[in-house]
Amino acid sequence: MKIIAFEVHRTFAQVAVLENGKIRDEGRLELVRGHILKFAERLLSPL
């Protein structure tokens, strides 16, 4: 299971992912529609 956490600010969100017992820092995500859609596509793509 993959758990995604967002710390949301006005213009960006700090993103972390918990998967297989390990936390991974995904960095900042600008809160702009195109950036959010690209991030979502990455989550849906197979590794």
Protein backbone atom coordinates (compact mmCIF):
# COMPACT_ATOMS: atom_id res chain seq x y z
CA MET A 1 0.00 0.00 0.00
CA LYS A 2 1.15 3.54 -0.77
CA ILE A 3 0.22 6.47 1.47
CA ILE A 4 0.74 10.01 0.16
CA ALA A 5 0.91 13.01 2.51
CA PHE A 6 0.63 16.67 1.54
CA GLU A 7 1.50 19.66 3.71
CA VAL A 8 -0.40 22.33 1.83
CA HIS A 9 0.61 26.00 1.70
CA ARG A 10 -0.72 28.85 -0.46
CA THR A 11 1.40 28.22 -3.56
CA PHE A 12 2.92 24.77 -3.02
CA ALA A 13 2.54 21.47 -1.20
CA GLN A 14 5.36 19.48 0.38
CA VAL A 15 4.86 15.83 -0.56
CA ALA A 16 5.95 12.63 1.19
CA VAL A 17 5.18 9.00 0.33
CA LEU A 18 5.08 6.05 2.73
CA GLU A 19 5.52 2.75 0.89
CA ASN A 20 6.69 -0.62 2.15
CA GLY A 21 7.53 0.90 5.54
CA LYS A 22 9.83 3.57 4.08
CA ILE A 23 9.19 7.30 3.86
CA ARG A 24 10.28 9.05 0.68
CA ASP A 25 10.44 12.85 0.33
CA GLU A 26 8.91 13.80 -3.04
CA GLY A 27 9.77 17.49 -2.62
CA ARG A 28 7.61 20.50 -3.40
CA LEU A 29 4.70 20.50 -5.77
CA GLU A 30 3.58 23.86 -7.14
CA LEU A 31 -0.17 24.23 -6.79
CA VAL A 32 -0.70 24.87 -10.48
CA ARG A 33 -3.15 22.67 -12.38
CA GLY A 34 -0.59 21.36 -14.88
CA HIS A 35 1.92 20.42 -12.18
CA ILE A 36 -0.72 18.63 -10.14
CA LEU A 37 -1.89 16.65 -13.17
CA LYS A 38 1.70 15.59 -14.00
CA PHE A 39 2.20 14.46 -10.40
CA ALA A 40 -1.04 12.44 -10.54
CA GLU A 41 0.04 10.80 -13.81
CA ARG A 42 3.31 9.74 -12.16
CA LEU A 43 1.34 8.08 -9.36
CA LEU A 44 -0.77 6.12 -11.85
CA SER A 45 2.10 4.96 -14.09
CA PRO A 46 3.60 1.51 -13.45
CA LEU A 47 7.16 1.41 -12.13
